[in-house]
Every structure is written in structure tokens, then in C-alpha cells.
Protein backbone atom coordinates (compact mmCIF):
# COMPACT_ATOMS: atom_id res chain seq x y z
CA MET A 1 -4.75 11.93 -5.55
CA ARG A 2 -3.75 14.22 -2.70
CA LEU A 3 -0.40 13.91 -0.99
CA PHE A 4 -1.82 14.71 2.43
CA ARG A 5 -5.40 13.57 2.93
CA ARG A 6 -8.05 15.74 4.53
CA GLY A 7 -11.13 13.97 5.72
CA PRO A 8 -14.63 15.36 5.09
CA ARG A 9 -16.51 17.10 7.88
CA ARG A 10 -18.43 14.43 9.74
CA ASP A 11 -19.24 13.42 13.31
CA GLY A 12 -16.67 14.69 15.78
CA ARG A 13 -14.21 12.38 17.48
CA ASP A 14 -16.18 12.75 20.69
CA ALA A 15 -19.07 10.80 19.14
CA PRO A 16 -19.14 7.08 20.05
CA ARG A 17 -16.87 5.14 17.67
CA ASP A 18 -17.65 1.99 15.72
CA PRO A 19 -15.73 -1.03 17.14
CA ALA A 20 -14.73 -2.42 13.72
CA PHE A 21 -14.01 0.84 11.87
CA SER A 22 -12.95 3.42 14.42
CA PHE A 23 -12.77 6.18 11.81
CA PHE A 24 -16.59 5.96 11.66
CA SER A 25 -18.88 7.04 14.46
CA VAL A 26 -21.54 4.49 15.42
CA ASP A 27 -24.13 6.39 13.37
CA GLU A 28 -21.82 6.71 10.35
CA ALA A 29 -21.05 3.00 10.46
CA ALA A 30 -24.76 2.16 10.55
CA LEU A 31 -25.29 4.37 7.49
CA PHE A 32 -22.33 2.78 5.70
CA ARG A 33 -23.51 -0.79 6.34
CA GLY A 34 -27.03 0.12 5.26
CA GLN A 35 -25.66 1.45 1.98
CA VAL A 36 -23.66 -1.75 1.51
CA ARG A 37 -26.75 -3.92 2.02
CA GLU A 38 -28.73 -1.83 -0.48
CA ALA A 39 -25.88 -1.97 -3.01
CA PHE A 40 -25.76 -5.77 -2.99
CA ALA A 41 -29.56 -5.95 -3.10
CA GLU A 42 -29.61 -3.79 -6.23
CA HIS A 43 -27.36 -6.41 -7.81
CA GLY A 44 -29.83 -9.14 -6.84
CA LEU A 45 -27.99 -10.46 -3.79
CA GLU A 46 -29.32 -10.43 -0.24
CA VAL A 47 -26.50 -10.36 2.28
CA THR A 48 -26.09 -10.72 6.03
CA LEU A 49 -24.18 -7.89 7.66
CA TYR A 50 -21.33 -8.42 10.10
CA ALA A 51 -18.98 -5.89 11.68
CA ASP A 52 -16.37 -5.94 8.90
CA SER A 53 -17.92 -8.13 6.18
CA VAL A 54 -21.08 -9.45 4.59
CA THR A 55 -22.01 -12.99 3.56
CA ASP A 56 -24.52 -14.29 1.03
CA SER A 57 -26.73 -17.38 1.18
CA ALA A 58 -24.01 -19.45 -0.53
CA GLY A 59 -21.60 -18.68 2.29
CA ARG A 60 -19.41 -16.35 0.24
CA ARG A 61 -17.79 -13.66 2.37
CA PHE A 62 -17.07 -10.13 1.16
CA GLY A 63 -14.75 -8.05 3.32
CA LEU A 64 -15.61 -4.38 3.83
CA GLY A 65 -12.31 -2.96 5.11
CA ASN A 66 -11.12 -1.41 1.85
CA LEU A 67 -14.55 -0.03 0.94
CA ALA A 68 -14.98 1.48 4.41
CA ALA A 69 -11.60 3.21 4.12
CA VAL A 70 -12.42 4.46 0.61
CA CYS A 71 -15.69 5.95 1.88
CA HIS A 72 -13.98 7.48 4.92
CA ASN A 73 -11.33 9.17 2.78
CA ASP A 74 -13.64 10.46 0.06
CA GLU A 75 -13.83 14.22 0.57
CA ARG A 76 -17.40 14.35 -0.72
CA GLY A 77 -18.62 12.69 2.47
CA PRO A 78 -21.52 10.30 3.16
CA ARG A 79 -23.59 11.55 0.23
CA VAL A 80 -21.46 9.44 -2.16
CA TRP A 81 -21.16 6.31 -0.02
CA GLY A 82 -24.09 4.68 -1.80
CA ASP A 83 -22.51 5.19 -5.23
CA LEU A 84 -19.16 3.87 -3.99
CA ALA A 85 -20.83 0.82 -2.45
CA ARG A 86 -22.78 0.05 -5.65
CA ARG A 87 -19.64 0.33 -7.75
CA HIS A 88 -17.75 -1.92 -5.32
CA ALA A 89 -20.51 -4.54 -5.17
CA GLY A 90 -20.77 -4.66 -8.96
CA MET A 91 -17.03 -5.10 -9.38
CA VAL A 92 -16.80 -7.81 -6.72
CA LEU A 93 -19.71 -9.81 -8.13
CA ARG A 94 -18.49 -9.58 -11.73
CA THR A 95 -15.10 -10.83 -10.60
CA MET A 96 -16.49 -13.70 -8.54
CA ASP A 97 -19.28 -14.79 -10.88
CA GLY A 98 -17.37 -14.53 -14.16
CA PRO A 99 -14.84 -17.01 -15.52
CA SER A 100 -11.39 -16.87 -13.99
CA ALA A 101 -8.84 -14.88 -15.95
CA LEU A 102 -6.44 -17.78 -15.38
CA ASP A 103 -8.75 -19.92 -17.54
CA THR A 104 -9.43 -17.37 -20.27
CA LEU A 105 -6.08 -15.62 -20.78
CA ALA A 106 -3.17 -17.18 -22.66
CA PRO A 107 -0.07 -17.86 -20.51
CA GLU A 108 1.94 -15.13 -22.25
CA GLN A 109 -0.85 -12.60 -21.68
CA ILE A 110 -0.88 -13.54 -18.00
CA ARG A 111 2.88 -12.99 -17.81
CA ALA A 112 2.47 -9.60 -19.52
CA GLN A 113 0.01 -8.54 -16.80
CA LEU A 114 2.02 -9.93 -13.90
CA TYR A 115 3.38 -7.58 -11.21
CA PRO A 116 5.04 -8.01 -7.82
CA ARG A 117 3.08 -6.54 -4.94
CA VAL A 118 4.22 -5.71 -1.41
CA ILE A 119 1.61 -6.52 1.23
CA GLY A 120 1.47 -6.79 5.01
CA GLU A 121 1.44 -10.17 6.70
CA ASP A 122 -2.18 -9.65 7.81
CA GLY A 123 -3.28 -10.10 4.20
CA LEU A 124 -1.22 -13.23 3.61
CA ASP A 125 -2.26 -16.86 4.01
CA PRO A 126 1.07 -18.71 4.32
CA GLN A 127 -0.50 -22.00 3.26
CA SER A 128 -1.64 -20.55 -0.07
CA PHE A 129 1.35 -18.27 -0.67
CA GLY A 130 4.28 -20.46 0.27
CA TYR A 131 6.42 -18.77 -2.39
CA ALA A 132 5.98 -15.29 -0.84
CA ARG A 133 9.30 -13.54 -0.25
CA SER A 134 9.95 -11.55 2.93
CA VAL A 135 11.15 -8.04 2.08
CA ALA A 136 11.11 -6.56 5.62
CA PRO A 137 9.68 -7.51 9.03
CA GLY A 138 5.95 -8.09 8.45
CA LEU A 139 6.10 -7.30 4.72
CA TYR A 140 6.01 -9.80 1.86
CA GLU A 141 6.25 -9.79 -1.91
CA VAL A 142 3.66 -11.78 -3.86
CA LEU A 143 2.80 -11.91 -7.54
CA ALA A 144 -0.44 -10.38 -8.77
CA LEU A 145 -2.36 -10.47 -12.04
CA ASP A 146 -3.52 -7.02 -13.10
CA LEU A 147 -7.06 -7.09 -14.52
CA PRO A 148 -9.29 -4.28 -15.80
CA GLU A 149 -11.44 -4.13 -12.66
CA SER A 150 -9.44 -5.96 -10.04
CA VAL A 151 -6.09 -7.32 -8.92
CA MET A 152 -5.78 -11.09 -8.41
CA MET A 153 -3.05 -12.17 -6.01
CA LEU A 154 -1.79 -15.49 -7.27
CA THR A 155 -1.44 -18.52 -5.03
CA ASP A 156 1.04 -21.39 -5.32
CA GLU A 157 -1.60 -23.39 -7.17
CA ALA A 158 -2.35 -20.59 -9.64
CA LEU A 159 1.34 -20.06 -10.47
CA GLU A 160 2.26 -23.72 -10.93
CA PRO A 161 1.17 -24.01 -14.61
CA LEU A 162 2.95 -20.75 -15.54
CA GLY A 163 6.53 -21.83 -14.96
CA GLU A 164 9.36 -21.27 -12.49
CA ILE A 165 8.71 -18.74 -9.73
CA ARG A 166 12.14 -17.20 -10.33
CA ARG A 167 11.37 -16.49 -13.99
CA LEU A 168 7.86 -15.26 -13.21
CA ARG A 169 9.22 -12.86 -10.61
CA GLN A 170 11.83 -11.59 -13.07
CA ARG A 171 9.12 -10.90 -15.66
CA ALA A 172 6.91 -9.22 -13.04
CA LEU A 173 9.80 -6.93 -12.01
CA GLU A 174 10.38 -5.99 -15.67
CA ASN A 175 6.69 -5.07 -15.95
CA LEU A 176 6.97 -3.04 -12.74
CA ARG A 177 9.98 -1.08 -14.03
CA ASP A 178 8.07 -0.22 -17.21
CA LEU A 179 5.23 1.49 -15.33
CA PRO A 180 5.11 5.27 -15.77
CA VAL A 181 5.43 7.64 -12.83
CA GLU A 182 1.89 9.00 -12.53
CA GLY A 183 2.62 11.85 -10.15
CA ARG A 184 5.47 13.27 -8.13
CA GLU A 185 5.78 15.82 -5.33
CA THR A 186 8.76 17.11 -3.37
CA VAL A 187 8.40 17.70 0.37
CA ARG A 188 11.01 20.10 1.76
CA ASP A 189 11.52 22.85 4.34
CA ALA A 190 14.16 25.23 5.62
CA ASP A 191 15.33 22.76 8.29
CA GLY A 192 16.74 20.40 5.69
CA ARG A 193 13.87 17.95 5.54
CA ARG A 194 13.49 16.70 1.99
CA PHE A 195 11.97 13.68 0.34
CA GLU A 196 10.29 12.76 -2.91
CA VAL A 197 6.88 11.14 -3.18
CA ILE A 198 5.57 9.27 -6.19
CA LEU A 199 1.84 8.73 -6.15
CA GLY A 200 -0.84 7.44 -8.46
CA ASP A 201 -3.89 5.27 -8.94
CA SER A 202 -1.84 2.18 -9.73
CA PHE A 203 -2.11 -0.58 -7.13
CA TYR A 204 1.65 -1.10 -7.58
CA THR A 205 2.92 2.41 -6.81
CA ALA A 206 4.20 1.53 -3.33
CA SER A 207 5.47 -1.83 -4.57
CA ARG A 208 7.94 0.03 -6.78
CA VAL A 209 10.22 0.00 -3.76
CA LEU A 210 11.22 -3.38 -5.26
CA ALA A 211 12.63 -1.47 -8.25
CA LEU A 212 13.80 1.60 -6.35
CA GLU A 213 16.95 2.14 -8.40
CA SER A 214 14.98 2.60 -11.61
CA VAL A 215 12.39 4.78 -9.84
CA VAL A 216 15.03 7.12 -8.40
CA HIS A 217 16.74 7.39 -11.77
CA ASP A 218 13.44 8.10 -13.57
CA VAL A 219 12.45 10.76 -11.03
CA THR A 220 15.77 12.47 -10.27
CA GLY A 221 18.05 11.43 -13.12
CA GLN A 222 20.60 10.23 -10.54
CA ARG A 223 21.79 6.92 -9.13
CA ILE A 224 21.48 5.77 -5.55
CA PRO A 225 24.90 6.02 -3.85
CA PRO A 226 26.35 3.22 -1.70
CA GLU A 227 24.86 4.92 1.39
CA GLY A 228 21.43 3.98 0.09
CA ALA A 229 18.11 5.72 0.66
CA LEU A 230 15.30 6.13 3.15
CA VAL A 231 11.94 4.80 1.96
CA ALA A 232 8.36 4.67 3.17
CA MET A 233 5.32 2.99 1.62
CA PRO A 234 2.36 3.86 3.88
CA PHE A 235 -0.25 2.56 1.45
CA ARG A 236 -0.46 1.11 -2.02
CA HIS A 237 -0.71 4.43 -3.87
CA GLN A 238 2.35 6.17 -2.40
CA LEU A 239 6.11 5.59 -2.28
CA ALA A 240 8.37 8.15 -0.59
CA PHE A 241 12.16 8.22 -0.66
CA HIS A 242 15.15 10.31 0.39
CA VAL A 243 18.46 9.52 -1.27
CA ILE A 244 21.20 9.61 1.40
CA ARG A 245 23.98 12.00 0.41
CA ASP A 246 24.65 14.14 3.50
CA THR A 247 23.45 14.95 7.03
CA THR A 248 20.03 16.08 5.79
CA VAL A 249 19.25 12.40 6.28
CA VAL A 250 18.61 13.13 9.98
CA PRO A 251 15.73 15.64 9.67
CA SER A 252 14.46 13.75 6.62
CA LEU A 253 14.30 10.51 8.63
CA ASN A 254 12.07 12.13 11.23
CA ALA A 255 9.88 13.72 8.57
CA LEU A 256 9.49 10.46 6.66
CA ALA A 257 8.59 8.59 9.85
CA ALA A 258 5.78 11.08 10.54
CA PHE A 259 4.67 10.94 6.89
CA ALA A 260 4.51 7.14 6.88
CA ALA A 261 2.61 6.91 10.16
CA SER A 262 0.07 9.51 9.04
CA GLY A 263 -0.47 7.99 5.60
CA TYR A 264 -0.91 4.49 6.98
CA GLU A 265 -3.86 5.28 9.23
CA ASP A 266 -7.39 4.47 7.99
CA THR A 267 -6.22 4.03 4.41
CA PRO A 268 -7.35 1.52 1.77
CA GLY A 269 -4.44 -0.70 0.87
CA ALA A 270 -2.41 0.18 3.97
CA ILE A 271 1.08 -1.36 3.90
CA SER A 272 3.38 -0.02 6.62
CA PRO A 273 3.58 2.87 9.10
CA HIS A 274 7.38 2.58 9.23
CA VAL A 275 10.38 4.12 7.51
CA TYR A 276 13.14 1.88 6.15
CA TRP A 277 16.78 2.10 5.09
CA TRP A 278 17.16 0.76 1.56
CA ARG A 279 20.66 -0.46 0.76
CA GLY A 280 21.42 -2.70 -2.21
CA GLY A 281 17.81 -3.90 -2.35
CA THR A 282 17.65 -4.80 1.37
CA LEU A 283 15.21 -2.99 3.67
CA THR A 284 16.09 -2.32 7.32
CA GLN A 285 13.31 -0.97 9.53
CA LEU A 286 14.24 2.28 11.30
CA SER A 287 11.07 3.01 13.30
CA ALA A 288 8.98 1.13 15.84
CA ARG A 289 5.64 1.56 17.52
CA GLU A 290 5.66 3.17 20.96
CA GLY A 291 2.23 3.54 22.52
CA ASP A 292 0.13 5.57 20.10
CA GLY A 293 3.21 6.87 18.27
CA LEU A 294 6.46 5.79 16.71
CA ARG A 295 10.10 6.13 17.71
CA ILE A 296 13.23 6.02 15.59
CA VAL A 297 15.39 2.92 16.15
CA VAL A 298 18.76 2.66 14.37
CA GLY A 299 21.23 -0.19 14.52
CA ASP A 300 25.01 -0.12 14.54
CA ASP A 301 25.36 0.05 10.74
CA PHE A 302 23.08 3.04 10.33
CA HIS A 303 24.60 4.77 13.35
CA ALA A 304 28.06 4.31 11.80
CA LEU A 305 26.76 5.80 8.56
CA LEU A 306 25.49 8.88 10.41
CA GLU A 307 28.87 9.30 12.07
CA ARG A 308 30.67 9.12 8.71
CA LEU A 309 28.33 11.68 7.16
CA THR A 310 28.70 14.01 10.14
CA ALA A 311 32.48 13.79 10.04
CA ARG A 312 32.55 14.36 6.28
CA ASP A 313 30.20 17.37 6.40
CA SER A 314 31.72 19.02 9.50
CA PRO A 315 34.03 21.96 8.81
CA GLU A 316 37.63 21.30 9.81
């Protein structure tokens, strides 16, 4: 998985854009949807195409947002979209047509495969996920069951037979802490910008912000000081952080904000375009949308921290 994504050579941005998936031109979107229809047909299912989904004769709806983003970001270009669509259709249908893992797995096996997952509010139905915990403005933590071909986000109803939410969350966090770091890169330059990025195929890589202390220790061998850290989780396969120790936090904040905004765009599993201040497990948002871009917004507490660091690092 690349740290900075480079899209394949396709239609230029001056070509008319698709209304549902603006990263596709109109022609590319038509090709993509045609491949999706063929993929489901090969699995014996005729579907009706809509802008961002398909439905079958039974009224089942299959969203296309993640698949469209996967195709867009695959560097091999449109020649592999058919293969990606067939793989996606097969996985979706096996998951929907097979028995539920909640009915076939023993309760202890379910708990062993339980993980917390950070998602945006757009992917959350508050009536089904009443237990969801807010971790930052617009971001929520839910519990998910990790399966060989899919991830099942668990509703209130699904969790009820498994025990107390508090205990389930504690077990899920333990499972999260035990995950290996798949990949790591350091971003740095001569101007003092520096941050670490962990990345991998796991759907829970970005969600490891919930266990940031163990992640930082595993990656750097050090503890997070009382000043905390800057974090960004643009999409599910990346978590970036800068441990706050000195005034390099200023250029690193700007660099992380740009990194998060870039990684969030047109990405499968997008989470947040913002950068946050992590302190004692609490996330404070430090960036905000402004037109087509972002601006840095710091409150009194973070401003006071910057003043203390500046005074401490300034020569007498």
C-alpha cells in the first residue's frame, strides 16, 4: 500500500464528470457501471443500476461507493475494473446469502474476532447503533466482527446476546492492541515537519487511534508525554501521528492537515479530512473546512501549549 496515492492515467479533469462519483468522467462511470452489471450477472443475479448502487429483484440494495473508489485508486486502470467488480460481487453475495456468522460462531469466538472501528457519522444509523460512542465531532466508535471476507458492524440487537457493552468494548480494545503494525513510514523535511504513518491492509489500522499509546510505544519505543500528540486518520488503512515534544509541532500540524485532506479524498473507507490533538485519549479537532480547502483552528488550550513550548525552546 502506497503512502501517497497516484491515480492511473485516465480521462482528464476537463472531461465531463459523473454526478455521483466525481473522480470518474461520465464515460468512465458508464464503463464502471457496465462492469458492475456484468459482474453480478456472472453470479446469476440481474440488477438494476442507479447512480451509486444497484438493486436486485428482491429489493436488496448494494452500494457502489467503496468499489468505485477502489477502482479509481487502482493504478492498473480500467482494464482491471471487471476483475475487481467480479470479486466484489462474489464477496457481497456470499456474505448476504450464507448463514450469519452470529448464528454459526460460538460467543467466545465472536469475542475473539471483535474490534472497535472508527467511522464517520454518514455511515451510522443511530437507531441501530444506539451504543455508538462519539470520539470526535462527526466520528463514532462501533464494534465490528472481523470475518475472512468481510467486516460486520454489529448493531444493538446483534450485541445484546453477547454481554455488557462495556466488557465487549474492553475485549475489542485488547484485540486491537494485539494487532501487528503492518507497515510504517516516516515523513520529514528540513523545515522540521515530521510525523509517523502506520499503514496496512487491516480495516482497523486507522481505528488504532483508540489505542494510540500502545501504537506509539510499539513504533517508537517511547511514551506519549502529557502534551499529547497530533493524529490524523484520513481513511481506514492509515493512521498518522506526531508526538508533541517541542515547537516542531507547528510545521508538523500544517503538514498533517495537508496529508489528512489529501488522503481523505476519493478513498475507500474514508474517515476524516481533519487533524486532531490527542490528549489522554480525548480528540480535539484542529482543522476545519474552508471553501475547497482546510484551515487550522486552535482553541485556548492548544494555543497555551504552543506558548509554553515556544517559551521553553527559545534561547534566553
